[in-house]
Amino acid sequence: MGRGRAKAKQTKVARELKYSSHNTDFDALQRELSSGESATGRRSEERYDDPSDDGYDDYRR
């Protein structure tokens, strides 16, 4: 029990996303996609520079 409020909020958010009209700046989206950079200004390939790094090195013994 206790999931009623959380589920109601998820339903509300999903309904707002589905039925509201958003003002999308397609020109800015096109510039971002064509430049190959993410929102932080780094190239998207730089985020995954080490495929063997799974992010759990600090937690292993």
N, C-alpha and C. Protein backbone atom coordinates (compact mmCIF):
# COMPACT_ATOMS: atom_id res chain seq x y z
N MET A 1 0.83 -1.18 0.00
CA MET A 1 0.00 0.00 0.00
C MET A 1 0.88 1.24 0.00
N GLY A 2 0.26 2.39 -0.23
CA GLY A 2 1.01 3.62 -0.23
C GLY A 2 1.41 4.10 -1.61
N ARG A 3 1.09 3.35 -2.64
CA ARG A 3 1.46 3.76 -3.99
C ARG A 3 0.38 4.59 -4.66
N GLY A 4 -0.74 4.78 -4.02
CA GLY A 4 -1.85 5.49 -4.65
C GLY A 4 -1.52 6.91 -5.03
N ARG A 5 -0.88 7.65 -4.12
CA ARG A 5 -0.53 9.04 -4.40
C ARG A 5 0.53 9.14 -5.48
N ALA A 6 1.52 8.26 -5.44
CA ALA A 6 2.59 8.28 -6.46
C ALA A 6 2.02 7.93 -7.83
N LYS A 7 1.16 6.93 -7.87
CA LYS A 7 0.56 6.54 -9.15
C LYS A 7 -0.32 7.65 -9.69
N ALA A 8 -1.05 8.33 -8.83
CA ALA A 8 -1.90 9.44 -9.27
C ALA A 8 -1.06 10.57 -9.85
N LYS A 9 0.08 10.83 -9.22
CA LYS A 9 0.96 11.89 -9.75
C LYS A 9 1.54 11.48 -11.10
N GLN A 10 1.96 10.22 -11.24
CA GLN A 10 2.48 9.76 -12.53
C GLN A 10 1.42 9.87 -13.61
N THR A 11 0.19 9.51 -13.27
CA THR A 11 -0.90 9.61 -14.23
C THR A 11 -1.15 11.06 -14.62
N LYS A 12 -1.10 11.96 -13.65
CA LYS A 12 -1.30 13.38 -13.92
C LYS A 12 -0.22 13.93 -14.85
N VAL A 13 1.04 13.60 -14.56
CA VAL A 13 2.15 14.07 -15.38
C VAL A 13 2.06 13.50 -16.79
N ALA A 14 1.73 12.22 -16.91
CA ALA A 14 1.60 11.59 -18.23
C ALA A 14 0.48 12.24 -19.02
N ARG A 15 -0.61 12.54 -18.37
CA ARG A 15 -1.74 13.18 -19.05
C ARG A 15 -1.37 14.58 -19.52
N GLU A 16 -0.63 15.33 -18.68
CA GLU A 16 -0.20 16.67 -19.07
C GLU A 16 0.74 16.62 -20.27
N LEU A 17 1.65 15.66 -20.28
CA LEU A 17 2.57 15.53 -21.41
C LEU A 17 1.84 15.14 -22.68
N LYS A 18 0.85 14.30 -22.55
CA LYS A 18 0.13 13.81 -23.72
C LYS A 18 -0.76 14.87 -24.35
N TYR A 19 -1.44 15.63 -23.52
CA TYR A 19 -2.47 16.52 -24.05
C TYR A 19 -2.08 17.99 -24.12
N SER A 20 -0.95 18.38 -23.53
CA SER A 20 -0.58 19.80 -23.61
C SER A 20 0.24 20.05 -24.86
N SER A 21 0.15 21.26 -25.36
CA SER A 21 0.95 21.62 -26.53
C SER A 21 2.21 22.32 -26.05
N HIS A 22 3.33 21.87 -26.55
CA HIS A 22 4.61 22.42 -26.15
C HIS A 22 5.15 23.29 -27.27
N ASN A 23 5.78 24.38 -26.90
CA ASN A 23 6.42 25.25 -27.88
C ASN A 23 7.85 24.74 -28.08
N THR A 24 8.06 24.03 -29.16
CA THR A 24 9.36 23.46 -29.45
C THR A 24 10.12 24.37 -30.38
N ASP A 25 11.37 24.66 -30.03
CA ASP A 25 12.23 25.48 -30.87
C ASP A 25 12.97 24.54 -31.82
N PHE A 26 12.39 24.31 -32.98
CA PHE A 26 12.96 23.37 -33.93
C PHE A 26 14.28 23.86 -34.51
N ASP A 27 14.46 25.17 -34.60
CA ASP A 27 15.73 25.70 -35.10
C ASP A 27 16.87 25.37 -34.13
N ALA A 28 16.63 25.54 -32.84
CA ALA A 28 17.65 25.21 -31.84
C ALA A 28 17.92 23.71 -31.83
N LEU A 29 16.88 22.92 -31.99
CA LEU A 29 17.06 21.47 -32.05
C LEU A 29 17.89 21.08 -33.26
N GLN A 30 17.62 21.69 -34.40
CA GLN A 30 18.39 21.39 -35.61
C GLN A 30 19.86 21.78 -35.44
N ARG A 31 20.11 22.93 -34.81
CA ARG A 31 21.50 23.36 -34.59
C ARG A 31 22.21 22.38 -33.67
N GLU A 32 21.53 21.94 -32.61
CA GLU A 32 22.16 21.01 -31.67
C GLU A 32 22.44 19.67 -32.33
N LEU A 33 21.51 19.17 -33.12
CA LEU A 33 21.72 17.88 -33.77
C LEU A 33 22.77 17.94 -34.86
N SER A 34 22.83 19.04 -35.58
CA SER A 34 23.79 19.13 -36.68
C SER A 34 25.20 19.40 -36.18
N SER A 35 25.35 20.00 -34.99
CA SER A 35 26.69 20.29 -34.48
C SER A 35 27.33 19.07 -33.83
N GLY A 36 26.52 18.10 -33.41
CA GLY A 36 27.06 16.90 -32.78
C GLY A 36 27.43 17.12 -31.33
N GLU A 37 27.02 18.23 -30.74
CA GLU A 37 27.34 18.51 -29.34
C GLU A 37 26.10 18.32 -28.49
N SER A 38 26.32 17.93 -27.26
CA SER A 38 25.21 17.79 -26.33
C SER A 38 24.92 19.13 -25.69
N ALA A 39 23.96 19.18 -24.79
CA ALA A 39 23.57 20.43 -24.15
C ALA A 39 24.68 20.98 -23.26
N THR A 40 25.60 20.13 -22.81
CA THR A 40 26.68 20.60 -21.96
C THR A 40 27.84 21.16 -22.77
N GLY A 41 27.76 21.06 -24.08
CA GLY A 41 28.82 21.58 -24.92
C GLY A 41 29.89 20.56 -25.26
N ARG A 42 29.79 19.37 -24.71
CA ARG A 42 30.76 18.32 -25.02
C ARG A 42 30.22 17.47 -26.14
N ARG A 43 31.13 16.92 -26.91
CA ARG A 43 30.71 16.02 -27.97
C ARG A 43 30.14 14.77 -27.34
N SER A 44 29.13 14.20 -27.96
CA SER A 44 28.43 13.06 -27.37
C SER A 44 29.34 11.84 -27.24
N GLU A 45 30.37 11.71 -28.07
CA GLU A 45 31.26 10.56 -27.97
C GLU A 45 32.14 10.64 -26.74
N GLU A 46 32.41 11.85 -26.22
CA GLU A 46 33.31 12.01 -25.10
C GLU A 46 32.70 11.48 -23.81
N ARG A 47 31.41 11.36 -23.73
CA ARG A 47 30.78 10.88 -22.51
C ARG A 47 31.07 9.40 -22.29
N TYR A 48 31.35 8.68 -23.33
CA TYR A 48 31.56 7.24 -23.24
C TYR A 48 32.98 6.90 -23.69
N ASP A 49 33.96 7.56 -23.10
CA ASP A 49 35.32 7.38 -23.56
C ASP A 49 35.92 6.05 -23.16
N ASP A 50 35.47 5.43 -22.08
CA ASP A 50 36.03 4.16 -21.63
C ASP A 50 34.92 3.12 -21.56
N PRO A 51 34.82 2.23 -22.55
CA PRO A 51 33.74 1.25 -22.55
C PRO A 51 33.85 0.24 -21.41
N SER A 52 35.04 0.06 -20.82
CA SER A 52 35.19 -0.90 -19.73
C SER A 52 34.80 -0.30 -18.39
N ASP A 53 34.62 1.02 -18.31
CA ASP A 53 34.26 1.67 -17.06
C ASP A 53 32.75 1.61 -16.89
N ASP A 54 32.31 0.84 -15.89
CA ASP A 54 30.87 0.72 -15.66
C ASP A 54 30.38 1.63 -14.55
N GLY A 55 31.28 2.42 -13.94
CA GLY A 55 30.89 3.37 -12.93
C GLY A 55 30.80 2.82 -11.52
N TYR A 56 31.18 1.55 -11.32
CA TYR A 56 31.08 0.95 -10.00
C TYR A 56 32.44 0.68 -9.37
N ASP A 57 33.51 1.27 -9.89
CA ASP A 57 34.84 1.04 -9.35
C ASP A 57 34.96 1.49 -7.90
N ASP A 58 34.27 2.55 -7.52
CA ASP A 58 34.36 3.06 -6.16
C ASP A 58 33.70 2.14 -5.15
N TYR A 59 32.83 1.24 -5.60
CA TYR A 59 32.06 0.40 -4.71
C TYR A 59 32.60 -1.02 -4.63
N ARG A 60 33.56 -1.36 -5.44
CA ARG A 60 34.14 -2.71 -5.41
C ARG A 60 35.21 -2.80 -4.35
N ARG A 61 35.37 -3.99 -3.79
CA ARG A 61 36.38 -4.20 -2.75
C ARG A 61 37.67 -4.67 -3.34
